[in-house]
Amino acid sequence: MTDTILHFKATSRQAFSQFIELLRQDLAQNPQNWENKTLDDFLAAVSSYTEDIQGYYDNTSAGVNADLADWQIFADIFKGATIYE
């Protein structure tokens, strides 16, 4: 995953759309870096990571309440789903 994706800030709907496009490009260019390459596997990981993301925020002392969703939380879920098992 590129630094651009790792450090991307999705502060709006438009920014989130740009983030999703960056993910799509990254999958096309670097599929070896993705744990979940099929849509079925990716959506299963999105579902699981959505359940577990509060633990990620707590473990990294991010100070984020995942129940108060914003565009960045959605981006974090999609980013996490690329490697989540």
N, C-alpha and C. Protein backbone atom coordinates (compact mmCIF):
# COMPACT_ATOMS: atom_id res chain seq x y z
N MET A 1 0.84 -1.17 0.00
CA MET A 1 0.00 0.00 0.00
C MET A 1 0.89 1.24 0.00
N THR A 2 0.55 2.21 -0.81
CA THR A 2 1.39 3.39 -0.94
C THR A 2 1.25 4.32 0.26
N ASP A 3 2.24 5.16 0.45
CA ASP A 3 2.17 6.17 1.51
C ASP A 3 0.99 7.09 1.29
N THR A 4 0.67 7.36 0.03
CA THR A 4 -0.48 8.23 -0.27
C THR A 4 -1.74 7.64 0.33
N ILE A 5 -1.94 6.34 0.19
CA ILE A 5 -3.12 5.70 0.75
C ILE A 5 -3.03 5.65 2.27
N LEU A 6 -1.87 5.29 2.79
CA LEU A 6 -1.72 5.17 4.24
C LEU A 6 -1.98 6.47 4.96
N HIS A 7 -1.64 7.59 4.36
CA HIS A 7 -1.76 8.89 5.03
C HIS A 7 -2.90 9.75 4.49
N PHE A 8 -3.75 9.18 3.64
CA PHE A 8 -4.85 9.92 3.03
C PHE A 8 -5.85 10.32 4.11
N LYS A 9 -6.36 11.54 4.03
CA LYS A 9 -7.39 12.03 4.95
C LYS A 9 -8.67 12.24 4.17
N ALA A 10 -9.67 11.44 4.47
CA ALA A 10 -10.97 11.54 3.80
C ALA A 10 -11.84 12.48 4.62
N THR A 11 -11.82 13.74 4.25
CA THR A 11 -12.53 14.77 5.01
C THR A 11 -13.87 15.15 4.39
N SER A 12 -14.20 14.53 3.27
CA SER A 12 -15.47 14.85 2.59
C SER A 12 -15.88 13.66 1.72
N ARG A 13 -17.08 13.73 1.20
CA ARG A 13 -17.56 12.69 0.30
C ARG A 13 -16.68 12.60 -0.93
N GLN A 14 -16.28 13.75 -1.47
CA GLN A 14 -15.42 13.77 -2.65
C GLN A 14 -14.05 13.17 -2.35
N ALA A 15 -13.51 13.48 -1.20
CA ALA A 15 -12.21 12.93 -0.82
C ALA A 15 -12.31 11.42 -0.64
N PHE A 16 -13.41 10.94 -0.06
CA PHE A 16 -13.60 9.50 0.09
C PHE A 16 -13.66 8.82 -1.28
N SER A 17 -14.33 9.45 -2.21
CA SER A 17 -14.40 8.92 -3.58
C SER A 17 -13.00 8.83 -4.18
N GLN A 18 -12.18 9.85 -3.98
CA GLN A 18 -10.80 9.83 -4.46
C GLN A 18 -10.01 8.70 -3.79
N PHE A 19 -10.25 8.50 -2.51
CA PHE A 19 -9.58 7.44 -1.77
C PHE A 19 -9.93 6.07 -2.34
N ILE A 20 -11.21 5.84 -2.63
CA ILE A 20 -11.63 4.57 -3.21
C ILE A 20 -10.95 4.35 -4.56
N GLU A 21 -10.82 5.40 -5.34
CA GLU A 21 -10.13 5.28 -6.63
C GLU A 21 -8.66 4.93 -6.43
N LEU A 22 -8.01 5.51 -5.43
CA LEU A 22 -6.61 5.16 -5.13
C LEU A 22 -6.50 3.69 -4.73
N LEU A 23 -7.46 3.20 -3.94
CA LEU A 23 -7.45 1.78 -3.58
C LEU A 23 -7.59 0.90 -4.82
N ARG A 24 -8.50 1.27 -5.71
CA ARG A 24 -8.71 0.49 -6.93
C ARG A 24 -7.41 0.43 -7.75
N GLN A 25 -6.76 1.57 -7.89
CA GLN A 25 -5.50 1.62 -8.63
C GLN A 25 -4.42 0.78 -7.95
N ASP A 26 -4.38 0.83 -6.62
CA ASP A 26 -3.39 0.07 -5.88
C ASP A 26 -3.61 -1.43 -6.06
N LEU A 27 -4.85 -1.87 -6.04
CA LEU A 27 -5.14 -3.28 -6.27
C LEU A 27 -4.69 -3.71 -7.66
N ALA A 28 -4.94 -2.87 -8.66
CA ALA A 28 -4.54 -3.19 -10.03
C ALA A 28 -3.02 -3.25 -10.18
N GLN A 29 -2.31 -2.36 -9.49
CA GLN A 29 -0.86 -2.27 -9.64
C GLN A 29 -0.07 -3.14 -8.66
N ASN A 30 -0.67 -3.45 -7.50
CA ASN A 30 0.05 -4.17 -6.45
C ASN A 30 -0.81 -5.26 -5.80
N PRO A 31 -1.38 -6.15 -6.58
CA PRO A 31 -2.27 -7.15 -5.98
C PRO A 31 -1.57 -8.05 -4.96
N GLN A 32 -0.27 -8.18 -5.07
CA GLN A 32 0.48 -9.01 -4.13
C GLN A 32 0.44 -8.45 -2.72
N ASN A 33 0.13 -7.18 -2.57
CA ASN A 33 0.07 -6.54 -1.25
C ASN A 33 -1.31 -6.65 -0.61
N TRP A 34 -2.26 -7.19 -1.34
CA TRP A 34 -3.64 -7.28 -0.84
C TRP A 34 -3.93 -8.69 -0.36
N GLU A 35 -4.43 -8.82 0.83
CA GLU A 35 -4.87 -10.11 1.35
C GLU A 35 -6.18 -10.52 0.69
N ASN A 36 -7.06 -9.57 0.42
CA ASN A 36 -8.42 -9.84 -0.07
C ASN A 36 -8.58 -9.27 -1.47
N LYS A 37 -8.32 -10.10 -2.46
CA LYS A 37 -8.29 -9.64 -3.86
C LYS A 37 -9.62 -9.77 -4.57
N THR A 38 -10.49 -10.69 -4.13
CA THR A 38 -11.79 -10.85 -4.78
C THR A 38 -12.81 -9.98 -4.08
N LEU A 39 -13.87 -9.64 -4.78
CA LEU A 39 -14.92 -8.81 -4.18
C LEU A 39 -15.53 -9.53 -2.98
N ASP A 40 -15.76 -10.82 -3.10
CA ASP A 40 -16.35 -11.58 -1.99
C ASP A 40 -15.45 -11.52 -0.76
N ASP A 41 -14.16 -11.78 -0.92
CA ASP A 41 -13.23 -11.73 0.20
C ASP A 41 -13.11 -10.32 0.77
N PHE A 42 -13.07 -9.33 -0.11
CA PHE A 42 -12.93 -7.95 0.35
C PHE A 42 -14.16 -7.52 1.15
N LEU A 43 -15.36 -7.84 0.66
CA LEU A 43 -16.58 -7.45 1.38
C LEU A 43 -16.69 -8.17 2.72
N ALA A 44 -16.26 -9.43 2.77
CA ALA A 44 -16.24 -10.14 4.05
C ALA A 44 -15.29 -9.44 5.03
N ALA A 45 -14.13 -9.00 4.53
CA ALA A 45 -13.17 -8.29 5.38
C ALA A 45 -13.71 -6.93 5.80
N VAL A 46 -14.41 -6.24 4.91
CA VAL A 46 -15.03 -4.96 5.28
C VAL A 46 -16.00 -5.17 6.43
N SER A 47 -16.81 -6.20 6.34
CA SER A 47 -17.77 -6.50 7.40
C SER A 47 -17.07 -6.80 8.72
N SER A 48 -16.07 -7.66 8.68
CA SER A 48 -15.34 -8.03 9.90
C SER A 48 -14.58 -6.85 10.48
N TYR A 49 -13.92 -6.09 9.61
CA TYR A 49 -13.13 -4.97 10.10
C TYR A 49 -14.01 -3.87 10.67
N THR A 50 -15.21 -3.71 10.12
CA THR A 50 -16.16 -2.74 10.67
C THR A 50 -16.51 -3.11 12.11
N GLU A 51 -16.64 -4.40 12.37
CA GLU A 51 -16.91 -4.86 13.73
C GLU A 51 -15.74 -4.59 14.66
N ASP A 52 -14.52 -4.70 14.15
CA ASP A 52 -13.32 -4.65 14.99
C ASP A 52 -12.59 -3.31 15.01
N ILE A 53 -13.04 -2.34 14.23
CA ILE A 53 -12.24 -1.11 14.07
C ILE A 53 -12.10 -0.32 15.37
N GLN A 54 -13.06 -0.39 16.27
CA GLN A 54 -12.91 0.34 17.53
C GLN A 54 -11.69 -0.17 18.29
N GLY A 55 -11.43 -1.47 18.22
CA GLY A 55 -10.23 -2.01 18.86
C GLY A 55 -8.96 -1.44 18.26
N TYR A 56 -8.95 -1.26 16.94
CA TYR A 56 -7.79 -0.64 16.28
C TYR A 56 -7.58 0.77 16.82
N TYR A 57 -8.66 1.55 16.87
CA TYR A 57 -8.53 2.93 17.37
C TYR A 57 -8.08 2.95 18.83
N ASP A 58 -8.63 2.04 19.64
CA ASP A 58 -8.23 1.99 21.05
C ASP A 58 -6.76 1.60 21.20
N ASN A 59 -6.31 0.61 20.42
CA ASN A 59 -4.92 0.14 20.52
C ASN A 59 -3.91 1.16 20.03
N THR A 60 -4.33 2.07 19.15
CA THR A 60 -3.41 3.09 18.64
C THR A 60 -3.62 4.44 19.33
N SER A 61 -4.45 4.45 20.36
CA SER A 61 -4.75 5.69 21.10
C SER A 61 -5.17 6.81 20.17
N ALA A 62 -5.98 6.47 19.17
CA ALA A 62 -6.40 7.46 18.17
C ALA A 62 -7.46 8.41 18.69
N GLY A 63 -8.13 8.05 19.77
CA GLY A 63 -9.17 8.92 20.31
C GLY A 63 -10.37 9.05 19.39
N VAL A 64 -10.70 7.98 18.67
CA VAL A 64 -11.81 8.00 17.72
C VAL A 64 -12.91 7.09 18.24
N ASN A 65 -14.14 7.57 18.20
CA ASN A 65 -15.31 6.76 18.52
C ASN A 65 -15.89 6.29 17.19
N ALA A 66 -15.73 5.01 16.88
CA ALA A 66 -16.16 4.46 15.59
C ALA A 66 -17.67 4.47 15.43
N ASP A 67 -18.42 4.68 16.52
CA ASP A 67 -19.87 4.77 16.42
C ASP A 67 -20.33 6.12 15.90
N LEU A 68 -19.43 7.08 15.84
CA LEU A 68 -19.73 8.41 15.29
C LEU A 68 -19.05 8.49 13.92
N ALA A 69 -19.61 7.78 12.97
CA ALA A 69 -18.98 7.60 11.67
C ALA A 69 -18.78 8.92 10.92
N ASP A 70 -17.64 8.99 10.26
CA ASP A 70 -17.36 10.08 9.32
C ASP A 70 -16.61 9.48 8.14
N TRP A 71 -16.29 10.28 7.16
CA TRP A 71 -15.65 9.77 5.95
C TRP A 71 -14.32 9.10 6.23
N GLN A 72 -13.57 9.58 7.21
CA GLN A 72 -12.28 8.97 7.52
C GLN A 72 -12.45 7.58 8.10
N ILE A 73 -13.46 7.38 8.92
CA ILE A 73 -13.69 6.03 9.45
C ILE A 73 -14.02 5.07 8.32
N PHE A 74 -14.84 5.51 7.37
CA PHE A 74 -15.13 4.65 6.21
C PHE A 74 -13.83 4.32 5.46
N ALA A 75 -12.99 5.32 5.27
CA ALA A 75 -11.71 5.10 4.58
C ALA A 75 -10.84 4.12 5.37
N ASP A 76 -10.80 4.27 6.69
CA ASP A 76 -10.01 3.37 7.52
C ASP A 76 -10.53 1.93 7.41
N ILE A 77 -11.84 1.76 7.35
CA ILE A 77 -12.43 0.43 7.21
C ILE A 77 -11.99 -0.19 5.88
N PHE A 78 -12.11 0.55 4.80
CA PHE A 78 -11.72 0.02 3.49
C PHE A 78 -10.22 -0.26 3.44
N LYS A 79 -9.43 0.62 4.02
CA LYS A 79 -7.98 0.42 4.05
C LYS A 79 -7.65 -0.85 4.84
N GLY A 80 -8.26 -0.99 5.98
CA GLY A 80 -8.02 -2.17 6.81
C GLY A 80 -8.45 -3.46 6.13
N ALA A 81 -9.53 -3.39 5.37
CA ALA A 81 -10.06 -4.58 4.70
C ALA A 81 -9.13 -5.11 3.61
N THR A 82 -8.19 -4.29 3.16
CA THR A 82 -7.26 -4.78 2.15
C THR A 82 -6.33 -5.85 2.70
N ILE A 83 -6.09 -5.84 4.02
CA ILE A 83 -5.14 -6.78 4.61
C ILE A 83 -5.74 -7.62 5.73
N TYR A 84 -6.96 -7.34 6.13
CA TYR A 84 -7.59 -8.01 7.27
C TYR A 84 -7.89 -9.48 6.94
N GLU A 85 -7.58 -10.37 7.85
CA GLU A 85 -7.84 -11.79 7.63
C GLU A 85 -9.01 -12.26 8.44
